């Protein structure tokens, strides 16, 4: 392989030097440039062909490896998506049920018969099944702020 590169270098270097030094000033130098251009194109084809003799078997082997493993990668990607979808569906249902239960408890807070004290409501809400928020589940409940009375907001003052 080093011999091939050395031969290519010996062929390419003078052509490049000749092209760099060429100045087109008349029709004779234009014809010389045209001939040199054809020589350069031939050299490019030769370099590409030589490179291809080395590159093609490697590319073919890589294509074969990719073809061999692609069905497994695709099947695993499909399985992962299926699991992710099922986890999201379950966690969304749990999260929705949690919020509904919290709203029911919050609606019962107050004084009098059938109402809950704040401490009791807090304890009941704390005991509601919650969605685990870990890297493994991939489910995160991002808290957000809802301002029900804008006059109480300190934003913009």
N, C-alpha and C. Protein backbone atom coordinates (compact mmCIF):
# COMPACT_ATOMS: atom_id res chain seq x y z
N UNK A 1 0.83 -1.19 0.00
CA UNK A 1 0.00 0.00 0.00
C UNK A 1 0.87 1.25 0.00
N UNK A 2 1.96 1.26 0.74
CA UNK A 2 2.87 2.40 0.77
C UNK A 2 3.50 2.59 -0.60
N UNK A 3 3.81 1.45 -1.29
CA UNK A 3 4.37 1.54 -2.64
C UNK A 3 3.38 2.22 -3.57
N UNK A 4 2.10 1.86 -3.45
CA UNK A 4 1.08 2.46 -4.31
C UNK A 4 0.99 3.96 -4.09
N UNK A 5 1.05 4.37 -2.85
CA UNK A 5 0.98 5.80 -2.53
C UNK A 5 2.21 6.51 -3.07
N UNK A 6 3.37 5.88 -2.97
CA UNK A 6 4.59 6.48 -3.47
C UNK A 6 4.51 6.67 -4.98
N UNK A 7 4.00 5.66 -5.67
CA UNK A 7 3.85 5.77 -7.13
C UNK A 7 2.87 6.88 -7.48
N UNK A 8 1.76 6.94 -6.76
CA UNK A 8 0.76 7.98 -7.01
C UNK A 8 1.36 9.35 -6.73
N UNK A 9 2.11 9.46 -5.64
CA UNK A 9 2.73 10.73 -5.29
C UNK A 9 3.68 11.19 -6.40
N UNK A 10 4.46 10.26 -6.93
CA UNK A 10 5.42 10.59 -8.00
C UNK A 10 4.69 11.03 -9.27
N UNK A 11 3.46 10.51 -9.47
CA UNK A 11 2.70 10.90 -10.65
C UNK A 11 1.96 12.22 -10.44
N UNK A 12 1.42 12.41 -9.25
CA UNK A 12 0.56 13.57 -8.98
C UNK A 12 1.37 14.84 -8.74
N UNK A 13 2.45 14.76 -8.02
CA UNK A 13 3.22 15.94 -7.63
C UNK A 13 3.66 16.77 -8.84
N UNK A 14 4.23 16.17 -9.89
CA UNK A 14 4.62 17.00 -11.03
C UNK A 14 3.43 17.64 -11.76
N UNK A 15 2.32 16.91 -11.82
CA UNK A 15 1.12 17.47 -12.47
C UNK A 15 0.62 18.68 -11.71
N UNK A 16 0.58 18.57 -10.39
CA UNK A 16 0.12 19.68 -9.55
C UNK A 16 1.07 20.86 -9.69
N UNK A 17 2.36 20.60 -9.68
CA UNK A 17 3.34 21.67 -9.82
C UNK A 17 3.20 22.36 -11.19
N UNK A 18 3.00 21.57 -12.22
CA UNK A 18 2.84 22.11 -13.56
C UNK A 18 1.58 22.96 -13.65
N UNK A 19 0.48 22.50 -13.05
CA UNK A 19 -0.78 23.26 -13.07
C UNK A 19 -0.65 24.56 -12.29
N UNK A 20 0.07 24.52 -11.18
CA UNK A 20 0.25 25.72 -10.36
C UNK A 20 1.11 26.75 -11.09
N UNK A 21 2.10 26.29 -11.80
CA UNK A 21 3.03 27.19 -12.48
C UNK A 21 2.48 27.73 -13.80
N UNK A 22 1.47 27.08 -14.34
CA UNK A 22 0.95 27.45 -15.65
C UNK A 22 0.27 28.81 -15.62
N UNK A 23 0.63 29.64 -16.56
CA UNK A 23 -0.03 30.94 -16.74
C UNK A 23 -0.58 30.96 -18.16
N UNK A 24 -1.83 31.25 -18.29
CA UNK A 24 -2.47 31.27 -19.61
C UNK A 24 -2.41 32.71 -20.14
N UNK A 25 -1.59 32.87 -21.18
CA UNK A 25 -1.40 34.21 -21.75
C UNK A 25 -1.71 34.28 -23.23
N UNK A 26 -1.77 33.13 -23.88
CA UNK A 26 -2.05 33.11 -25.32
C UNK A 26 -2.73 31.80 -25.68
N UNK A 27 -3.03 31.61 -26.96
CA UNK A 27 -3.75 30.42 -27.38
C UNK A 27 -2.91 29.16 -27.22
N UNK A 28 -1.60 29.28 -27.33
CA UNK A 28 -0.73 28.12 -27.15
C UNK A 28 -0.78 27.64 -25.70
N UNK A 29 -0.70 28.58 -24.73
CA UNK A 29 -0.78 28.20 -23.32
C UNK A 29 -2.18 27.71 -22.96
N UNK A 30 -3.20 28.20 -23.67
CA UNK A 30 -4.56 27.71 -23.47
C UNK A 30 -4.67 26.25 -23.91
N UNK A 31 -4.05 25.90 -25.03
CA UNK A 31 -4.04 24.51 -25.49
C UNK A 31 -3.27 23.63 -24.52
N UNK A 32 -2.18 24.16 -24.00
CA UNK A 32 -1.39 23.42 -23.00
C UNK A 32 -2.23 23.18 -21.74
N UNK A 33 -2.99 24.18 -21.33
CA UNK A 33 -3.87 24.05 -20.15
C UNK A 33 -4.94 23.01 -20.41
N UNK A 34 -5.47 22.98 -21.62
CA UNK A 34 -6.49 22.00 -21.96
C UNK A 34 -5.93 20.58 -21.89
N UNK A 35 -4.72 20.40 -22.39
CA UNK A 35 -4.07 19.09 -22.33
C UNK A 35 -3.79 18.71 -20.88
N UNK A 36 -3.30 19.68 -20.10
CA UNK A 36 -3.01 19.43 -18.67
C UNK A 36 -4.30 19.11 -17.91
N UNK A 37 -5.37 19.77 -18.28
CA UNK A 37 -6.67 19.51 -17.63
C UNK A 37 -7.10 18.06 -17.88
N UNK A 38 -6.93 17.58 -19.08
CA UNK A 38 -7.27 16.18 -19.39
C UNK A 38 -6.38 15.23 -18.60
N UNK A 39 -5.10 15.57 -18.47
CA UNK A 39 -4.16 14.75 -17.70
C UNK A 39 -4.58 14.70 -16.23
N UNK A 40 -5.00 15.85 -15.71
CA UNK A 40 -5.43 15.92 -14.30
C UNK A 40 -6.68 15.06 -14.10
N UNK A 41 -7.63 15.13 -15.02
CA UNK A 41 -8.84 14.31 -14.90
C UNK A 41 -8.50 12.83 -14.94
N UNK A 42 -7.57 12.44 -15.80
CA UNK A 42 -7.12 11.05 -15.85
C UNK A 42 -6.48 10.65 -14.52
N UNK A 43 -5.67 11.54 -13.97
CA UNK A 43 -5.00 11.25 -12.69
C UNK A 43 -6.03 11.11 -11.57
N UNK A 44 -7.05 11.95 -11.58
CA UNK A 44 -8.12 11.85 -10.57
C UNK A 44 -8.81 10.51 -10.69
N UNK A 45 -9.12 10.09 -11.91
CA UNK A 45 -9.75 8.78 -12.12
C UNK A 45 -8.85 7.65 -11.62
N UNK A 46 -7.55 7.77 -11.89
CA UNK A 46 -6.59 6.74 -11.46
C UNK A 46 -6.53 6.68 -9.92
N UNK A 47 -6.47 7.83 -9.27
CA UNK A 47 -6.42 7.87 -7.79
C UNK A 47 -7.70 7.28 -7.21
N UNK A 48 -8.85 7.65 -7.78
CA UNK A 48 -10.12 7.11 -7.28
C UNK A 48 -10.19 5.60 -7.47
N UNK A 49 -9.73 5.11 -8.62
CA UNK A 49 -9.75 3.67 -8.87
C UNK A 49 -8.82 2.94 -7.90
N UNK A 50 -7.65 3.51 -7.68
CA UNK A 50 -6.70 2.88 -6.74
C UNK A 50 -7.27 2.87 -5.33
N UNK A 51 -7.87 3.98 -4.94
CA UNK A 51 -8.48 4.07 -3.61
C UNK A 51 -9.62 3.07 -3.50
N UNK A 52 -10.38 2.92 -4.56
CA UNK A 52 -11.52 2.01 -4.56
C UNK A 52 -11.11 0.55 -4.37
N UNK A 53 -9.93 0.18 -4.86
CA UNK A 53 -9.46 -1.20 -4.66
C UNK A 53 -9.24 -1.50 -3.19
N UNK A 54 -8.91 -0.49 -2.43
CA UNK A 54 -8.72 -0.66 -0.98
C UNK A 54 -10.05 -0.47 -0.25
N UNK A 55 -10.77 0.55 -0.65
CA UNK A 55 -11.98 0.96 0.05
C UNK A 55 -13.15 0.00 -0.15
N UNK A 56 -13.34 -0.50 -1.37
CA UNK A 56 -14.51 -1.31 -1.70
C UNK A 56 -14.68 -2.54 -0.81
N UNK A 57 -13.61 -3.36 -0.58
CA UNK A 57 -13.81 -4.52 0.30
C UNK A 57 -14.20 -4.12 1.73
N UNK A 58 -13.64 -3.02 2.19
CA UNK A 58 -13.97 -2.55 3.54
C UNK A 58 -15.43 -2.10 3.59
N UNK A 59 -15.85 -1.34 2.59
CA UNK A 59 -17.24 -0.87 2.54
C UNK A 59 -18.21 -2.05 2.43
N UNK A 60 -17.85 -3.02 1.58
CA UNK A 60 -18.71 -4.20 1.43
C UNK A 60 -18.84 -4.96 2.75
N UNK A 61 -17.71 -5.09 3.47
CA UNK A 61 -17.75 -5.78 4.76
C UNK A 61 -18.60 -5.00 5.76
N UNK A 62 -18.46 -3.69 5.75
CA UNK A 62 -19.26 -2.85 6.65
C UNK A 62 -20.75 -2.95 6.30
N UNK A 63 -21.07 -2.95 5.01
CA UNK A 63 -22.47 -3.11 4.59
C UNK A 63 -23.02 -4.45 5.05
N UNK A 64 -22.19 -5.49 4.96
CA UNK A 64 -22.62 -6.83 5.39
C UNK A 64 -22.89 -6.87 6.90
N UNK A 65 -22.01 -6.23 7.68
CA UNK A 65 -22.20 -6.19 9.13
C UNK A 65 -23.48 -5.42 9.46
N UNK A 66 -23.67 -4.27 8.81
CA UNK A 66 -24.89 -3.49 9.06
C UNK A 66 -26.14 -4.26 8.69
N UNK A 67 -26.10 -4.98 7.57
CA UNK A 67 -27.26 -5.77 7.14
C UNK A 67 -27.54 -6.91 8.11
N UNK A 68 -26.49 -7.48 8.66
CA UNK A 68 -26.64 -8.60 9.60
C UNK A 68 -27.31 -8.15 10.90
N UNK A 69 -26.96 -6.96 11.40
CA UNK A 69 -27.46 -6.50 12.69
C UNK A 69 -28.69 -5.60 12.60
N UNK A 70 -28.99 -5.08 11.42
CA UNK A 70 -30.11 -4.15 11.27
C UNK A 70 -31.45 -4.72 11.75
N UNK A 71 -31.81 -5.98 11.43
CA UNK A 71 -33.09 -6.51 11.91
C UNK A 71 -33.18 -6.54 13.44
N UNK A 72 -32.07 -6.85 14.09
CA UNK A 72 -32.08 -6.88 15.56
C UNK A 72 -32.19 -5.49 16.14
N UNK A 73 -31.46 -4.53 15.55
CA UNK A 73 -31.55 -3.15 16.02
C UNK A 73 -32.96 -2.61 15.84
N UNK A 74 -33.56 -2.92 14.68
CA UNK A 74 -34.93 -2.45 14.40
C UNK A 74 -35.93 -3.08 15.37
N UNK A 75 -35.78 -4.39 15.62
CA UNK A 75 -36.68 -5.08 16.55
C UNK A 75 -36.54 -4.50 17.96
N UNK A 76 -35.29 -4.24 18.37
CA UNK A 76 -35.08 -3.68 19.71
C UNK A 76 -35.61 -2.26 19.81
N UNK A 77 -35.44 -1.47 18.76
CA UNK A 77 -35.99 -0.11 18.76
C UNK A 77 -37.51 -0.14 18.86
N UNK A 78 -38.14 -1.07 18.15
CA UNK A 78 -39.59 -1.22 18.20
C UNK A 78 -40.03 -1.65 19.60
N UNK A 79 -39.29 -2.59 20.19
CA UNK A 79 -39.62 -3.06 21.54
C UNK A 79 -39.47 -1.92 22.55
N UNK A 80 -38.41 -1.14 22.41
CA UNK A 80 -38.18 -0.01 23.31
C UNK A 80 -39.31 1.02 23.19
N UNK A 81 -39.71 1.31 21.96
CA UNK A 81 -40.80 2.27 21.76
C UNK A 81 -42.09 1.73 22.38
N UNK A 82 -42.33 0.44 22.22
CA UNK A 82 -43.53 -0.17 22.79
C UNK A 82 -43.54 -0.04 24.30
N UNK A 83 -42.41 -0.36 24.93
CA UNK A 83 -42.31 -0.24 26.39
C UNK A 83 -42.48 1.21 26.82
N UNK A 84 -41.83 2.12 26.11
CA UNK A 84 -41.96 3.55 26.45
C UNK A 84 -43.40 4.02 26.35
N UNK A 85 -44.10 3.59 25.29
CA UNK A 85 -45.51 3.97 25.13
C UNK A 85 -46.37 3.42 26.26
N UNK A 86 -46.14 2.16 26.61
CA UNK A 86 -46.92 1.55 27.69
C UNK A 86 -46.64 2.22 29.03
N UNK A 87 -45.36 2.55 29.29
CA UNK A 87 -45.01 3.23 30.53
C UNK A 87 -45.68 4.60 30.60
N UNK A 88 -45.63 5.32 29.49
CA UNK A 88 -46.24 6.65 29.44
C UNK A 88 -47.74 6.56 29.66
N UNK A 89 -48.38 5.60 29.02
CA UNK A 89 -49.83 5.42 29.17
C UNK A 89 -50.19 5.13 30.63
N UNK A 90 -49.45 4.21 31.25
CA UNK A 90 -49.72 3.87 32.64
C UNK A 90 -49.46 5.07 33.56
N UNK A 91 -48.31 5.71 33.37
CA UNK A 91 -47.96 6.82 34.26
C UNK A 91 -48.89 8.01 34.08
N UNK A 92 -49.35 8.23 32.88
CA UNK A 92 -50.30 9.32 32.64
C UNK A 92 -51.62 9.01 33.34
N UNK A 93 -52.07 7.76 33.28
CA UNK A 93 -53.31 7.37 33.95
C UNK A 93 -53.18 7.54 35.47
N UNK A 94 -52.05 7.11 36.02
CA UNK A 94 -51.82 7.27 37.47
C UNK A 94 -51.78 8.75 37.83
N UNK A 95 -51.09 9.54 37.03
CA UNK A 95 -50.97 10.97 37.30
C UNK A 95 -52.34 11.64 37.25
N UNK A 96 -53.16 11.27 36.26
CA UNK A 96 -54.51 11.84 36.14
C UNK A 96 -55.36 11.45 37.35
N UNK A 97 -55.29 10.19 37.74
CA UNK A 97 -56.06 9.73 38.91
C UNK A 97 -55.58 10.44 40.17
N UNK A 98 -54.29 10.65 40.28
CA UNK A 98 -53.73 11.36 41.44
C UNK A 98 -54.27 12.79 41.51
N UNK A 99 -54.27 13.48 40.39
CA UNK A 99 -54.76 14.86 40.37
C UNK A 99 -56.26 14.92 40.67
N UNK A 100 -57.02 13.96 40.14
CA UNK A 100 -58.46 13.92 40.42
C UNK A 100 -58.71 13.69 41.91
N UNK A 101 -57.96 12.76 42.51
CA UNK A 101 -58.12 12.47 43.95
C UNK A 101 -57.72 13.69 44.78
N UNK A 102 -56.64 14.35 44.39
CA UNK A 102 -56.21 15.56 45.11
C UNK A 102 -57.29 16.64 45.03
N UNK A 103 -57.91 16.79 43.85
CA UNK A 103 -58.96 17.79 43.68
C UNK A 103 -60.18 17.46 44.55
N UNK A 104 -60.54 16.17 44.64
CA UNK A 104 -61.66 15.76 45.50
C UNK A 104 -61.37 16.09 46.95
N UNK A 105 -60.15 15.78 47.38
CA UNK A 105 -59.77 16.05 48.78
C UNK A 105 -59.76 17.56 49.02
N UNK A 106 -59.19 18.32 48.09
CA UNK A 106 -59.11 19.77 48.25
C UNK A 106 -60.50 20.39 48.30
N UNK A 107 -61.45 19.82 47.58
CA UNK A 107 -62.81 20.35 47.57
C UNK A 107 -63.51 20.12 48.91
N UNK A 108 -63.04 19.15 49.69
CA UNK A 108 -63.66 18.84 50.97
C UNK A 108 -63.05 19.62 52.14
N UNK A 109 -62.04 20.43 51.87
CA UNK A 109 -61.39 21.19 52.94
C UNK A 109 -62.34 22.31 53.39
N UNK A 110 -62.47 22.44 54.70
CA UNK A 110 -63.31 23.49 55.24
C UNK A 110 -63.70 23.17 56.67
N UNK A 111 -64.65 23.95 57.16
CA UNK A 111 -65.13 23.73 58.52
C UNK A 111 -66.54 23.18 58.46
N UNK A 112 -66.85 22.39 59.46
CA UNK A 112 -68.21 21.85 59.53
C UNK A 112 -68.24 20.37 59.24
N UNK A 113 -69.48 19.86 59.29
CA UNK A 113 -69.69 18.44 59.13
C UNK A 113 -69.41 18.02 57.68
N UNK A 114 -68.67 16.90 57.51
CA UNK A 114 -68.34 16.38 56.19
C UNK A 114 -67.16 17.06 55.52
N UNK A 115 -66.57 18.00 56.21
CA UNK A 115 -65.41 18.71 55.67
C UNK A 115 -64.13 18.21 56.34
N UNK A 116 -63.01 18.43 55.71
CA UNK A 116 -61.72 17.97 56.24
C UNK A 116 -60.91 19.15 56.76
N UNK A 117 -60.19 18.88 57.84
CA UNK A 117 -59.23 19.88 58.31
C UNK A 117 -58.06 19.87 57.34
N UNK A 118 -57.33 20.96 57.30
CA UNK A 118 -56.19 21.07 56.38
C UNK A 118 -55.17 19.97 56.65
N UNK A 119 -54.88 19.69 57.93
CA UNK A 119 -53.90 18.66 58.28
C UNK A 119 -54.33 17.29 57.77
N UNK A 120 -55.62 16.99 57.92
CA UNK A 120 -56.15 15.71 57.46
C UNK A 120 -56.06 15.63 55.93
N UNK A 121 -56.38 16.71 55.27
CA UNK A 121 -56.32 16.74 53.80
C UNK A 121 -54.88 16.54 53.31
N UNK A 122 -53.94 17.19 54.00
CA UNK A 122 -52.52 17.05 53.63
C UNK A 122 -52.09 15.60 53.79
N UNK A 123 -52.47 14.97 54.88
CA UNK A 123 -52.11 13.56 55.10
C UNK A 123 -52.74 12.65 54.04
N UNK A 124 -54.01 12.90 53.69
CA UNK A 124 -54.67 12.08 52.66
C UNK A 124 -54.00 12.26 51.30
N UNK A 125 -53.66 13.49 50.97
CA UNK A 125 -52.99 13.75 49.69
C UNK A 125 -51.61 13.10 49.67
N UNK A 126 -50.91 13.12 50.79
CA UNK A 126 -49.58 12.51 50.85
C UNK A 126 -49.65 11.00 50.66
N UNK A 127 -50.78 10.38 50.99
CA UNK A 127 -50.92 8.93 50.87
C UNK A 127 -51.45 8.46 49.51
N UNK A 128 -51.73 9.38 48.61
CA UNK A 128 -52.21 9.02 47.27
C UNK A 128 -51.03 8.42 46.48
N UNK A 129 -51.33 7.35 45.70
CA UNK A 129 -50.29 6.73 44.86
C UNK A 129 -49.81 7.77 43.86
N UNK A 130 -48.49 7.94 43.82
CA UNK A 130 -47.90 8.94 42.93
C UNK A 130 -47.04 8.27 41.86
N UNK A 131 -46.85 8.97 40.77
CA UNK A 131 -46.00 8.49 39.69
C UNK A 131 -44.55 8.66 40.11
N UNK A 132 -43.78 7.58 39.97
CA UNK A 132 -42.36 7.69 40.28
C UNK A 132 -41.69 8.53 39.21
N UNK A 133 -40.82 9.43 39.66
CA UNK A 133 -40.11 10.29 38.72
C UNK A 133 -38.63 9.96 38.79
N UNK A 134 -38.23 9.02 37.95
CA UNK A 134 -36.84 8.60 37.91
C UNK A 134 -36.35 8.59 36.47
N UNK A 135 -35.05 8.46 36.32
CA UNK A 135 -34.49 8.36 34.97
C UNK A 135 -34.93 7.07 34.29
N UNK A 136 -35.18 6.01 35.09
CA UNK A 136 -35.58 4.74 34.51
C UNK A 136 -36.96 4.80 33.90
N UNK A 137 -37.87 5.52 34.53
CA UNK A 137 -39.23 5.58 34.00
C UNK A 137 -39.35 6.60 32.89
N UNK A 138 -38.51 7.62 32.92
CA UNK A 138 -38.56 8.64 31.89
C UNK A 138 -39.76 9.55 32.00
N UNK A 139 -40.50 9.47 33.10
CA UNK A 139 -41.71 10.27 33.28
C UNK A 139 -41.44 11.35 34.31
N UNK A 140 -41.65 12.57 33.92
CA UNK A 140 -41.44 13.68 34.83
C UNK A 140 -42.66 14.58 34.84
N UNK A 141 -43.08 14.91 36.02
CA UNK A 141 -44.17 15.86 36.18
C UNK A 141 -43.51 17.20 36.48
N UNK A 142 -43.55 18.08 35.51
CA UNK A 142 -42.93 19.38 35.70
C UNK A 142 -43.95 20.29 36.38
N UNK A 143 -43.64 20.74 37.58
CA UNK A 143 -44.59 21.61 38.27
C UNK A 143 -44.72 22.94 37.54
N UNK A 144 -45.91 23.49 37.59
CA UNK A 144 -46.13 24.78 36.97
C UNK A 144 -46.96 25.63 37.92
N UNK A 145 -46.82 26.91 37.78
CA UNK A 145 -47.49 27.86 38.64
C UNK A 145 -48.72 28.40 37.93
N UNK A 146 -49.85 28.35 38.63
CA UNK A 146 -51.08 28.91 38.09
C UNK A 146 -51.49 30.05 39.01
N UNK A 147 -51.56 31.24 38.45
CA UNK A 147 -51.97 32.41 39.23
C UNK A 147 -53.45 32.62 38.98
N UNK A 148 -54.24 32.40 40.02
CA UNK A 148 -55.69 32.53 39.88
C UNK A 148 -56.14 33.97 40.08
N UNK A 149 -55.37 34.71 40.89
CA UNK A 149 -55.72 36.11 41.13
C UNK A 149 -54.48 36.97 40.77
N UNK A 150 -54.48 37.59 39.58
CA UNK A 150 -53.32 38.36 39.14
C UNK A 150 -52.97 39.53 40.06
N UNK A 151 -53.93 40.01 40.82
CA UNK A 151 -53.65 41.13 41.72
C UNK A 151 -52.71 40.74 42.86
N UNK A 152 -52.61 39.43 43.13
CA UNK A 152 -51.72 38.95 44.19
C UNK A 152 -50.29 38.70 43.67
N UNK A 153 -50.10 38.79 42.38
CA UNK A 153 -48.79 38.52 41.79
C UNK A 153 -47.86 39.70 42.01
N UNK A 154 -46.61 39.38 42.31
CA UNK A 154 -45.61 40.42 42.49
C UNK A 154 -44.81 40.62 41.20
N UNK A 155 -45.15 39.85 40.17
CA UNK A 155 -44.44 39.93 38.90
C UNK A 155 -44.76 41.26 38.22
N UNK A 156 -43.72 41.96 37.78
CA UNK A 156 -43.93 43.21 37.05
C UNK A 156 -43.93 44.41 37.96
N UNK A 157 -43.77 44.24 39.25
CA UNK A 157 -43.76 45.43 40.14
C UNK A 157 -42.36 45.86 40.42
